[in-house]
Amino acid sequence: MNDHFAALNAPPPRYLLESDSSDEEGQGAYPGSSTPKPKISIDTPVEVFFTRGTGNEGVKDLVVGLGQAGKYLKKDLGVGGCAAGQQEVGKVVVGGRQVGQGWKVGEGMVFSINEGDLSHETIWEISQKLLANIKAQSWTIITTYVPSMYIVSKTNGSRIRSDPPIRYLSQGEVKVEGAEIYETPNYLIGIAGAITSLSAHPSSTIQQTTIILPLPLSVLPLSHLSTALTHICPSISRALSGIRSKWTEEDDQPYSAPGMGKVRGLAKGVGEAVGMYT
């Protein structure tokens, strides 16, 4: 900065003529100038195993519920207890910690996996092991989306609907009853994205469909999900048919994506559910 009170014939300040950095080079510590230390990566063991049977004997319908969607299914199906026709068949364990469970429901199997605090590498490995270990005729992944964050195509208008629909993404010519297509530029992340990518490979024989439920789940009628599963996963659709959802506003959680870490539920003072997603 010039000194306005200096004489007109005074030389300009030194820092306007040259940089001081050349004088100071090599002295002191400069951020980023030191050789970066190598990052040590510790592999976290991922296990997908079955407590009853081998898992390779074949399953008619497989549903993998992720995050809140998995908890929603678990609560409404009443799995985890002693309900008739329902038994635990498998687990997903990461580093000795259980992050997912599987149950046999009629002719189908339902897995609930909490992926919120898993690394991307772990998510990819879980997806690969699920595909390698479970032989099912139909694969259905159920996850969630925030309606206010969804990018609507211009042809459908840009206004946020008061009754956001269940959306779906399928590799084949599959029509999901009562649901709308999950359009670009919206995309899937986490296990849903990984399984979709893996099953899209030309060598894959899996026909997989992803169902994306609008948040909060407390305002979603369970009959809408049962209808959406009618043709792609009939055994689970029948299990959900005719029952009333046990999921309440207290069960709703703030939006959580893989890598965001754990979230706290409403019961612990987060706030009102409906306001989270609008």
C-alpha atoms as a PDB file:
ATOM      1  CA  MET A   1       0.000   0.000   0.000  1.00  0.00           C
ATOM      2  CA  ASN A   2       1.417   3.443  -0.945  1.00  0.00           C
ATOM      3  CA  ASP A   3       2.212   5.988   1.728  1.00  0.00           C
ATOM      4  CA  HIS A   4       0.245   9.090   0.753  1.00  0.00           C
ATOM      5  CA  PHE A   5       2.276  11.255   3.136  1.00  0.00           C
ATOM      6  CA  ALA A   6       5.674  10.347   1.642  1.00  0.00           C
ATOM      7  CA  ALA A   7       7.639  12.873  -0.420  1.00  0.00           C
ATOM      8  CA  LEU A   8       7.051  12.779  -4.177  1.00  0.00           C
ATOM      9  CA  ASN A   9      10.690  11.896  -4.847  1.00  0.00           C
ATOM     10  CA  ALA A  10      10.742   9.025  -2.295  1.00  0.00           C
ATOM     11  CA  PRO A  11      11.313   5.550  -3.793  1.00  0.00           C
ATOM     12  CA  PRO A  12       8.342   3.163  -3.717  1.00  0.00           C
ATOM     13  CA  PRO A  13       8.126   0.578  -0.949  1.00  0.00           C
ATOM     14  CA  ARG A  14      10.352  -2.444  -1.492  1.00  0.00           C
ATOM     15  CA  TYR A  15       7.496  -4.925  -1.665  1.00  0.00           C
ATOM     16  CA  LEU A  16       6.154  -3.200  -4.767  1.00  0.00           C
ATOM     17  CA  LEU A  17       9.406  -3.860  -6.588  1.00  0.00           C
ATOM     18  CA  GLU A  18      10.081  -7.491  -5.743  1.00  0.00           C
ATOM     19  CA  SER A  19       8.805 -10.336  -3.644  1.00  0.00           C
ATOM     20  CA  ASP A  20      10.205 -11.137  -0.233  1.00  0.00           C
ATOM     21  CA  SER A  21       9.623 -14.832  -0.835  1.00  0.00           C
ATOM     22  CA  SER A  22      12.970 -15.238  -2.601  1.00  0.00           C
ATOM     23  CA  ASP A  23      14.786 -14.006   0.512  1.00  0.00           C
ATOM     24  CA  GLU A  24      12.827 -16.308   2.795  1.00  0.00           C
ATOM     25  CA  GLU A  25      12.954 -19.425   0.659  1.00  0.00           C
ATOM     26  CA  GLY A  26      14.297 -22.342   2.601  1.00  0.00           C
ATOM     27  CA  GLN A  27      13.656 -20.695   5.958  1.00  0.00           C
ATOM     28  CA  GLY A  28      10.867 -21.839   8.224  1.00  0.00           C
ATOM     29  CA  ALA A  29       8.071 -24.268   7.349  1.00  0.00           C
ATOM     30  CA  TYR A  30       5.840 -23.794   4.304  1.00  0.00           C
ATOM     31  CA  PRO A  31       2.492 -25.605   4.001  1.00  0.00           C
ATOM     32  CA  GLY A  32       2.582 -28.177   1.242  1.00  0.00           C
ATOM     33  CA  SER A  33       6.325 -27.878   0.688  1.00  0.00           C
ATOM     34  CA  SER A  34       7.251 -30.970   2.657  1.00  0.00           C
ATOM     35  CA  THR A  35       7.137 -34.453   1.182  1.00  0.00           C
ATOM     36  CA  PRO A  36       3.651 -35.885   1.776  1.00  0.00           C
ATOM     37  CA  LYS A  37       3.544 -38.810   4.148  1.00  0.00           C
ATOM     38  CA  PRO A  38       2.105 -41.992   2.677  1.00  0.00           C
ATOM     39  CA  LYS A  39      -1.377 -42.853   3.901  1.00  0.00           C
ATOM     40  CA  ILE A  40      -1.622 -46.234   5.522  1.00  0.00           C
ATOM     41  CA  SER A  41      -4.784 -48.037   4.471  1.00  0.00           C
ATOM     42  CA  ILE A  42      -6.054 -50.729   6.802  1.00  0.00           C
ATOM     43  CA  ASP A  43      -8.406 -53.178   5.127  1.00  0.00           C
ATOM     44  CA  THR A  44     -11.619 -53.715   7.076  1.00  0.00           C
ATOM     45  CA  PRO A  45     -12.804 -57.301   6.691  1.00  0.00           C
ATOM     46  CA  VAL A  46     -16.263 -57.621   5.151  1.00  0.00           C
ATOM     47  CA  GLU A  47     -18.256 -60.817   5.639  1.00  0.00           C
ATOM     48  CA  VAL A  48     -21.582 -61.851   4.175  1.00  0.00           C
ATOM     49  CA  PHE A  49     -22.555 -65.208   5.584  1.00  0.00           C
ATOM     50  CA  PHE A  50     -25.629 -67.288   6.204  1.00  0.00           C
ATOM     51  CA  THR A  51     -26.754 -68.755   9.490  1.00  0.00           C
ATOM     52  CA  ARG A  52     -29.256 -71.113   7.897  1.00  0.00           C
ATOM     53  CA  GLY A  53     -28.433 -72.857   4.640  1.00  0.00           C
ATOM     54  CA  THR A  54     -25.703 -71.798   2.256  1.00  0.00           C
ATOM     55  CA  GLY A  55     -27.528 -69.004   0.476  1.00  0.00           C
ATOM     56  CA  ASN A  56     -26.623 -70.610  -2.843  1.00  0.00           C
ATOM     57  CA  GLU A  57     -29.597 -72.940  -2.857  1.00  0.00           C
ATOM     58  CA  GLY A  58     -31.724 -70.297  -4.572  1.00  0.00           C
ATOM     59  CA  VAL A  59     -34.256 -67.698  -3.486  1.00  0.00           C
ATOM     60  CA  LYS A  60     -37.285 -66.639  -5.491  1.00  0.00           C
ATOM     61  CA  ASP A  61     -37.405 -62.957  -4.515  1.00  0.00           C
ATOM     62  CA  LEU A  62     -34.679 -60.921  -2.839  1.00  0.00           C
ATOM     63  CA  VAL A  63     -35.227 -57.454  -1.392  1.00  0.00           C
ATOM     64  CA  VAL A  64     -32.319 -55.394  -0.034  1.00  0.00           C
ATOM     65  CA  GLY A  65     -33.516 -52.424   2.040  1.00  0.00           C
ATOM     66  CA  LEU A  66     -30.930 -49.704   2.651  1.00  0.00           C
ATOM     67  CA  GLY A  67     -30.784 -47.229   5.518  1.00  0.00           C
ATOM     68  CA  GLN A  68     -34.217 -45.989   6.573  1.00  0.00           C
ATOM     69  CA  ALA A  69     -35.862 -48.113   3.877  1.00  0.00           C
ATOM     70  CA  GLY A  70     -34.359 -51.245   5.445  1.00  0.00           C
ATOM     71  CA  LYS A  71     -35.571 -50.277   8.910  1.00  0.00           C
ATOM     72  CA  TYR A  72     -38.994 -49.481   7.457  1.00  0.00           C
ATOM     73  CA  LEU A  73     -39.257 -52.967   5.951  1.00  0.00           C
ATOM     74  CA  LYS A  74     -37.943 -54.636   9.078  1.00  0.00           C
ATOM     75  CA  LYS A  75     -40.468 -52.910  11.314  1.00  0.00           C
ATOM     76  CA  ASP A  76     -43.481 -53.417   9.060  1.00  0.00           C
ATOM     77  CA  LEU A  77     -42.685 -57.046   8.261  1.00  0.00           C
ATOM     78  CA  GLY A  78     -42.116 -57.755  11.945  1.00  0.00           C
ATOM     79  CA  VAL A  79     -38.871 -59.557  11.206  1.00  0.00           C
ATOM     80  CA  GLY A  80     -36.269 -59.976  13.891  1.00  0.00           C
ATOM     81  CA  GLY A  81     -38.827 -61.458  16.257  1.00  0.00           C
ATOM     82  CA  CYS A  82     -40.631 -64.766  16.258  1.00  0.00           C
ATOM     83  CA  ALA A  83     -43.164 -64.131  13.503  1.00  0.00           C
ATOM     84  CA  ALA A  84     -44.420 -67.236  11.753  1.00  0.00           C
ATOM     85  CA  GLY A  85     -42.633 -68.070   8.503  1.00  0.00           C
ATOM     86  CA  GLN A  86     -39.842 -65.605   9.195  1.00  0.00           C
ATOM     87  CA  GLN A  87     -36.383 -66.642  10.279  1.00  0.00           C
ATOM     88  CA  GLU A  88     -32.975 -65.023  10.252  1.00  0.00           C
ATOM     89  CA  VAL A  89     -30.896 -66.409   7.416  1.00  0.00           C
ATOM     90  CA  GLY A  90     -27.842 -64.182   7.127  1.00  0.00           C
ATOM     91  CA  LYS A  91     -25.725 -61.298   8.337  1.00  0.00           C
ATOM     92  CA  VAL A  92     -23.447 -58.625   6.942  1.00  0.00           C
ATOM     93  CA  VAL A  93     -20.477 -57.968   9.226  1.00  0.00           C
ATOM     94  CA  VAL A  94     -17.850 -55.249   8.742  1.00  0.00           C
ATOM     95  CA  GLY A  95     -14.791 -55.284  10.980  1.00  0.00           C
ATOM     96  CA  GLY A  96     -16.568 -57.456  13.523  1.00  0.00           C
ATOM     97  CA  ARG A  97     -19.598 -55.122  13.643  1.00  0.00           C
ATOM     98  CA  GLN A  98     -22.940 -56.246  12.270  1.00  0.00           C
ATOM     99  CA  VAL A  99     -24.356 -53.746   9.763  1.00  0.00           C
ATOM    100  CA  GLY A 100     -27.024 -55.891   8.137  1.00  0.00           C
ATOM    101  CA  GLN A 101     -29.342 -58.843   8.655  1.00  0.00           C
ATOM    102  CA  GLY A 102     -31.313 -61.083   6.342  1.00  0.00           C
ATOM    103  CA  TRP A 103     -34.605 -62.888   6.951  1.00  0.00           C
ATOM    104  CA  LYS A 104     -36.574 -65.458   5.043  1.00  0.00           C
ATOM    105  CA  VAL A 105     -40.084 -64.153   4.399  1.00  0.00           C
ATOM    106  CA  GLY A 106     -42.282 -66.706   2.640  1.00  0.00           C
ATOM    107  CA  GLU A 107     -40.560 -67.596  -0.641  1.00  0.00           C
ATOM    108  CA  GLY A 108     -38.413 -64.496  -0.489  1.00  0.00           C
ATOM    109  CA  MET A 109     -35.519 -63.040   1.466  1.00  0.00           C
ATOM    110  CA  VAL A 110     -35.216 -59.543   2.913  1.00  0.00           C
ATOM    111  CA  PHE A 111     -31.916 -57.916   3.865  1.00  0.00           C
ATOM    112  CA  SER A 112     -31.738 -54.692   5.878  1.00  0.00           C
ATOM    113  CA  ILE A 113     -28.374 -52.912   5.688  1.00  0.00           C
ATOM    114  CA  ASN A 114     -27.330 -49.711   7.452  1.00  0.00           C
ATOM    115  CA  GLU A 115     -24.852 -48.106   5.052  1.00  0.00           C
ATOM    116  CA  GLY A 116     -24.691 -44.551   6.426  1.00  0.00           C
ATOM    117  CA  ASP A 117     -21.291 -44.789   8.127  1.00  0.00           C
ATOM    118  CA  LEU A 118     -19.615 -47.210   5.702  1.00  0.00           C
ATOM    119  CA  SER A 119     -16.728 -46.217   3.461  1.00  0.00           C
ATOM    120  CA  HIS A 120     -17.080 -46.355  -0.315  1.00  0.00           C
ATOM    121  CA  GLU A 121     -14.615 -49.255  -0.482  1.00  0.00           C
ATOM    122  CA  THR A 122     -16.647 -51.221   2.070  1.00  0.00           C
ATOM    123  CA  ILE A 123     -19.895 -50.517   0.210  1.00  0.00           C
ATOM    124  CA  TRP A 124     -18.371 -51.828  -3.012  1.00  0.00           C
ATOM    125  CA  GLU A 125     -17.120 -54.994  -1.328  1.00  0.00           C
ATOM    126  CA  ILE A 126     -20.481 -55.665   0.353  1.00  0.00           C
ATOM    127  CA  SER A 127     -22.219 -55.306  -3.008  1.00  0.00           C
ATOM    128  CA  GLN A 128     -19.826 -57.734  -4.687  1.00  0.00           C
ATOM    129  CA  LYS A 129     -20.245 -60.322  -1.937  1.00  0.00           C
ATOM    130  CA  LEU A 130     -24.042 -60.060  -1.948  1.00  0.00           C
ATOM    131  CA  LEU A 131     -24.070 -60.737  -5.683  1.00  0.00           C
ATOM    132  CA  ALA A 132     -21.626 -63.633  -5.318  1.00  0.00           C
ATOM    133  CA  ASN A 133     -23.377 -65.329  -2.397  1.00  0.00           C
ATOM    134  CA  ILE A 134     -27.091 -64.941  -3.072  1.00  0.00           C
ATOM    135  CA  LYS A 135     -28.734 -66.683  -6.007  1.00  0.00           C
ATOM    136  CA  ALA A 136     -32.152 -65.108  -6.502  1.00  0.00           C
ATOM    137  CA  GLN A 137     -34.566 -65.066  -9.427  1.00  0.00           C
ATOM    138  CA  SER A 138     -35.341 -61.379  -8.890  1.00  0.00           C
ATOM    139  CA  TRP A 139     -33.337 -58.643  -7.166  1.00  0.00           C
ATOM    140  CA  THR A 140     -35.029 -55.552  -5.742  1.00  0.00           C
ATOM    141  CA  ILE A 141     -33.094 -52.783  -4.014  1.00  0.00           C
ATOM    142  CA  ILE A 142     -35.136 -50.345  -1.917  1.00  0.00           C
ATOM    143  CA  THR A 143     -33.635 -46.998  -0.926  1.00  0.00           C
ATOM    144  CA  THR A 144     -34.899 -43.443  -0.339  1.00  0.00           C
ATOM    145  CA  TYR A 145     -34.749 -39.959  -1.808  1.00  0.00           C
ATOM    146  CA  VAL A 146     -35.502 -36.427  -0.633  1.00  0.00           C
ATOM    147  CA  PRO A 147     -38.303 -34.965  -2.810  1.00  0.00           C
ATOM    148  CA  SER A 148     -37.032 -31.386  -2.444  1.00  0.00           C
ATOM    149  CA  MET A 149     -33.592 -32.482  -3.735  1.00  0.00           C
ATOM    150  CA  TYR A 150     -34.968 -34.407  -6.703  1.00  0.00           C
ATOM    151  CA  ILE A 151     -34.373 -32.756 -10.092  1.00  0.00           C
ATOM    152  CA  VAL A 152     -37.594 -32.967 -12.098  1.00  0.00           C
ATOM    153  CA  SER A 153     -37.444 -32.994 -15.896  1.00  0.00           C
ATOM    154  CA  LYS A 154     -38.787 -29.932 -17.706  1.00  0.00           C
ATOM    155  CA  THR A 155     -41.479 -31.991 -19.392  1.00  0.00           C
ATOM    156  CA  ASN A 156     -42.992 -32.811 -16.003  1.00  0.00           C
ATOM    157  CA  GLY A 157     -42.655 -29.320 -14.579  1.00  0.00           C
ATOM    158  CA  SER A 158     -40.331 -28.096 -11.851  1.00  0.00           C
ATOM    159  CA  ARG A 159     -42.772 -27.664  -8.972  1.00  0.00           C
ATOM    160  CA  ILE A 160     -42.350 -29.993  -5.987  1.00  0.00           C
ATOM    161  CA  ARG A 161     -45.396 -32.208  -5.632  1.00  0.00           C
ATOM    162  CA  SER A 162     -47.307 -32.404  -2.367  1.00  0.00           C
ATOM    163  CA  ASP A 163     -47.526 -36.185  -2.820  1.00  0.00           C
ATOM    164  CA  PRO A 164     -44.100 -37.236  -4.151  1.00  0.00           C
ATOM    165  CA  PRO A 165     -44.255 -40.630  -5.867  1.00  0.00           C
ATOM    166  CA  ILE A 166     -42.322 -43.816  -5.365  1.00  0.00           C
ATOM    167  CA  ARG A 167     -39.745 -43.931  -8.153  1.00  0.00           C
ATOM    168  CA  TYR A 168     -37.925 -46.827  -9.779  1.00  0.00           C
ATOM    169  CA  LEU A 169     -34.957 -47.623 -11.972  1.00  0.00           C
ATOM    170  CA  SER A 170     -34.770 -50.887 -13.908  1.00  0.00           C
ATOM    171  CA  GLN A 171     -32.428 -52.381 -16.465  1.00  0.00           C
ATOM    172  CA  GLY A 172     -35.122 -54.273 -18.345  1.00  0.00           C
ATOM    173  CA  GLU A 173     -38.565 -53.471 -19.686  1.00  0.00           C
ATOM    174  CA  VAL A 174     -40.075 -53.567 -16.216  1.00  0.00           C
ATOM    175  CA  LYS A 175     -43.129 -51.571 -15.291  1.00  0.00           C
ATOM    176  CA  VAL A 176     -43.480 -50.875 -11.587  1.00  0.00           C
ATOM    177  CA  GLU A 177     -47.123 -50.335 -10.769  1.00  0.00           C
ATOM    178  CA  GLY A 178     -47.956 -47.010  -9.120  1.00  0.00           C
ATOM    179  CA  ALA A 179     -44.400 -45.667  -9.475  1.00  0.00           C
ATOM    180  CA  GLU A 180     -42.628 -43.216 -11.753  1.00  0.00           C
ATOM    181  CA  ILE A 181     -39.228 -43.530 -13.407  1.00  0.00           C
ATOM    182  CA  TYR A 182     -36.174 -42.178 -11.584  1.00  0.00           C
ATOM    183  CA  GLU A 183     -34.900 -39.757 -14.195  1.00  0.00           C
ATOM    184  CA  THR A 184     -31.523 -38.284 -15.050  1.00  0.00           C
ATOM    185  CA  PRO A 185     -29.604 -36.252 -13.950  1.00  0.00           C
ATOM    186  CA  ASN A 186     -30.576 -37.814 -10.603  1.00  0.00           C
ATOM    187  CA  TYR A 187     -28.359 -40.768  -9.731  1.00  0.00           C
ATOM    188  CA  LEU A 188     -27.958 -43.576  -7.217  1.00  0.00           C
ATOM    189  CA  ILE A 189     -25.224 -43.804  -4.604  1.00  0.00           C
ATOM    190  CA  GLY A 190     -24.079 -46.331  -2.037  1.00  0.00           C
ATOM    191  CA  ILE A 191     -25.006 -50.000  -2.299  1.00  0.00           C
ATOM    192  CA  ALA A 192     -27.899 -49.189  -4.643  1.00  0.00           C
ATOM    193  CA  GLY A 193     -25.512 -47.545  -7.096  1.00  0.00           C
ATOM    194  CA  ALA A 194     -22.879 -50.272  -6.721  1.00  0.00           C
ATOM    195  CA  ILE A 195     -25.285 -53.179  -7.324  1.00  0.00           C
ATOM    196  CA  THR A 196     -26.862 -51.344 -10.258  1.00  0.00           C
ATOM    197  CA  SER A 197     -23.415 -50.852 -11.817  1.00  0.00           C
ATOM    198  CA  LEU A 198     -22.313 -54.447 -11.207  1.00  0.00           C
ATOM    199  CA  SER A 199     -25.521 -55.991 -12.514  1.00  0.00           C
ATOM    200  CA  ALA A 200     -25.375 -53.802 -15.643  1.00  0.00           C
ATOM    201  CA  HIS A 201     -22.151 -55.510 -16.751  1.00  0.00           C
ATOM    202  CA  PRO A 202     -22.647 -57.653 -19.891  1.00  0.00           C
ATOM    203  CA  SER A 203     -21.477 -60.773 -18.019  1.00  0.00           C
ATOM    204  CA  SER A 204     -24.141 -60.365 -15.320  1.00  0.00           C
ATOM    205  CA  THR A 205     -27.321 -62.432 -15.508  1.00  0.00           C
ATOM    206  CA  ILE A 206     -29.148 -60.545 -12.743  1.00  0.00           C
ATOM    207  CA  GLN A 207     -32.322 -58.621 -13.539  1.00  0.00           C
ATOM    208  CA  GLN A 208     -32.342 -55.943 -10.891  1.00  0.00           C
ATOM    209  CA  THR A 209     -34.838 -53.184 -10.086  1.00  0.00           C
ATOM    210  CA  THR A 210     -34.334 -50.313  -7.654  1.00  0.00           C
ATOM    211  CA  ILE A 211     -37.293 -48.808  -5.807  1.00  0.00           C
ATOM    212  CA  ILE A 212     -36.716 -45.311  -4.385  1.00  0.00           C
ATOM    213  CA  LEU A 213     -39.117 -44.230  -1.624  1.00  0.00           C
ATOM    214  CA  PRO A 214     -39.849 -40.552  -0.870  1.00  0.00           C
ATOM    215  CA  LEU A 215     -38.935 -39.260   2.574  1.00  0.00           C
ATOM    216  CA  PRO A 216     -40.276 -38.993   5.218  1.00  0.00           C
ATOM    217  CA  LEU A 217     -41.500 -42.568   5.372  1.00  0.00           C
ATOM    218  CA  SER A 218     -44.087 -41.798   8.058  1.00  0.00           C
ATOM    219  CA  VAL A 219     -46.365 -40.227   5.426  1.00  0.00           C
ATOM    220  CA  LEU A 220     -45.916 -43.038   2.881  1.00  0.00           C
ATOM    221  CA  PRO A 221     -48.817 -45.527   2.872  1.00  0.00           C
ATOM    222  CA  LEU A 222     -47.476 -49.059   3.078  1.00  0.00           C
ATOM    223  CA  SER A 223     -49.997 -50.103   0.439  1.00  0.00           C
ATOM    224  CA  HIS A 224     -48.098 -47.973  -2.106  1.00  0.00           C
ATOM    225  CA  LEU A 225     -44.942 -50.026  -1.563  1.00  0.00           C
ATOM    226  CA  SER A 226     -46.894 -53.290  -1.639  1.00  0.00           C
ATOM    227  CA  THR A 227     -48.428 -52.260  -4.980  1.00  0.00           C
ATOM    228  CA  ALA A 228     -45.034 -51.313  -6.425  1.00  0.00           C
ATOM    229  CA  LEU A 229     -43.665 -54.766  -5.553  1.00  0.00           C
ATOM    230  CA  THR A 230     -46.636 -56.672  -6.976  1.00  0.00           C
ATOM    231  CA  HIS A 231     -45.021 -57.801 -10.236  1.00  0.00           C
ATOM    232  CA  ILE A 232     -41.303 -57.558  -9.485  1.00  0.00           C
ATOM    233  CA  CYS A 233     -41.302 -59.164  -6.027  1.00  0.00           C
ATOM    234  CA  PRO A 234     -44.675 -60.881  -5.429  1.00  0.00           C
ATOM    235  CA  SER A 235     -43.767 -62.857  -2.294  1.00  0.00           C
ATOM    236  CA  ILE A 236     -42.709 -59.728  -0.369  1.00  0.00           C
ATOM    237  CA  SER A 237     -45.658 -57.798  -1.784  1.00  0.00           C
ATOM    238  CA  ARG A 238     -48.013 -60.409  -0.361  1.00  0.00           C
ATOM    239  CA  ALA A 239     -46.287 -60.214   3.025  1.00  0.00           C
ATOM    240  CA  LEU A 240     -46.860 -56.435   3.118  1.00  0.00           C
ATOM    241  CA  SER A 241     -50.384 -56.570   1.730  1.00  0.00           C
ATOM    242  CA  GLY A 242     -53.229 -55.879   4.117  1.00  0.00           C
ATOM    243  CA  ILE A 243     -51.111 -54.724   7.058  1.00  0.00           C
ATOM    244  CA  ARG A 244     -50.886 -51.220   8.461  1.00  0.00           C
ATOM    245  CA  SER A 245     -47.523 -49.525   8.703  1.00  0.00           C
ATOM    246  CA  LYS A 246     -45.980 -49.483  12.171  1.00  0.00           C
ATOM    247  CA  TRP A 247     -43.565 -46.721  11.117  1.00  0.00           C
ATOM    248  CA  THR A 248     -44.412 -43.424  12.839  1.00  0.00           C
ATOM    249  CA  GLU A 249     -43.042 -39.902  12.745  1.00  0.00           C
ATOM    250  CA  GLU A 250     -40.813 -40.723  15.720  1.00  0.00           C
ATOM    251  CA  ASP A 251     -39.066 -43.327  13.567  1.00  0.00           C
ATOM    252  CA  ASP A 252     -38.174 -40.817  10.842  1.00  0.00           C
ATOM    253  CA  GLN A 253     -34.567 -39.723  10.652  1.00  0.00           C
ATOM    254  CA  PRO A 254     -32.771 -36.851   8.926  1.00  0.00           C
ATOM    255  CA  TYR A 255     -31.512 -37.646   5.443  1.00  0.00           C
ATOM    256  CA  SER A 256     -28.364 -39.738   5.489  1.00  0.00           C
ATOM    257  CA  ALA A 257     -26.197 -40.717   2.546  1.00  0.00           C
ATOM    258  CA  PRO A 258     -23.240 -43.132   2.565  1.00  0.00           C
ATOM    259  CA  GLY A 259     -20.217 -41.363   4.000  1.00  0.00           C
ATOM    260  CA  MET A 260     -22.245 -38.905   6.104  1.00  0.00           C
ATOM    261  CA  GLY A 261     -21.909 -40.989   9.256  1.00  0.00           C
ATOM    262  CA  LYS A 262     -24.593 -41.844  11.783  1.00  0.00           C
ATOM    263  CA  VAL A 263     -27.704 -39.711  12.203  1.00  0.00           C
ATOM    264  CA  ARG A 264     -29.894 -39.153  15.219  1.00  0.00           C
ATOM    265  CA  GLY A 265     -33.586 -39.943  15.267  1.00  0.00           C
ATOM    266  CA  LEU A 266     -36.421 -37.603  16.098  1.00  0.00           C
ATOM    267  CA  ALA A 267     -36.821 -39.095  19.536  1.00  0.00           C
ATOM    268  CA  LYS A 268     -33.450 -37.582  20.400  1.00  0.00           C
ATOM    269  CA  GLY A 269     -34.475 -34.045  19.537  1.00  0.00           C
ATOM    270  CA  VAL A 270     -33.899 -33.569  15.826  1.00  0.00           C
ATOM    271  CA  GLY A 271     -37.190 -31.843  14.994  1.00  0.00           C
ATOM    272  CA  GLU A 272     -40.316 -32.478  12.985  1.00  0.00           C
ATOM    273  CA  ALA A 273     -40.067 -35.046  10.222  1.00  0.00           C
ATOM    274  CA  VAL A 274     -42.108 -33.401   7.507  1.00  0.00           C
ATOM    275  CA  GLY A 275     -40.091 -30.198   7.724  1.00  0.00           C
ATOM    276  CA  MET A 276     -36.825 -32.009   7.107  1.00  0.00           C
ATOM    277  CA  TYR A 277     -37.530 -32.696   3.457  1.00  0.00           C
ATOM    278  CA  THR A 278     -39.368 -29.596   2.253  1.00  0.00           C
END
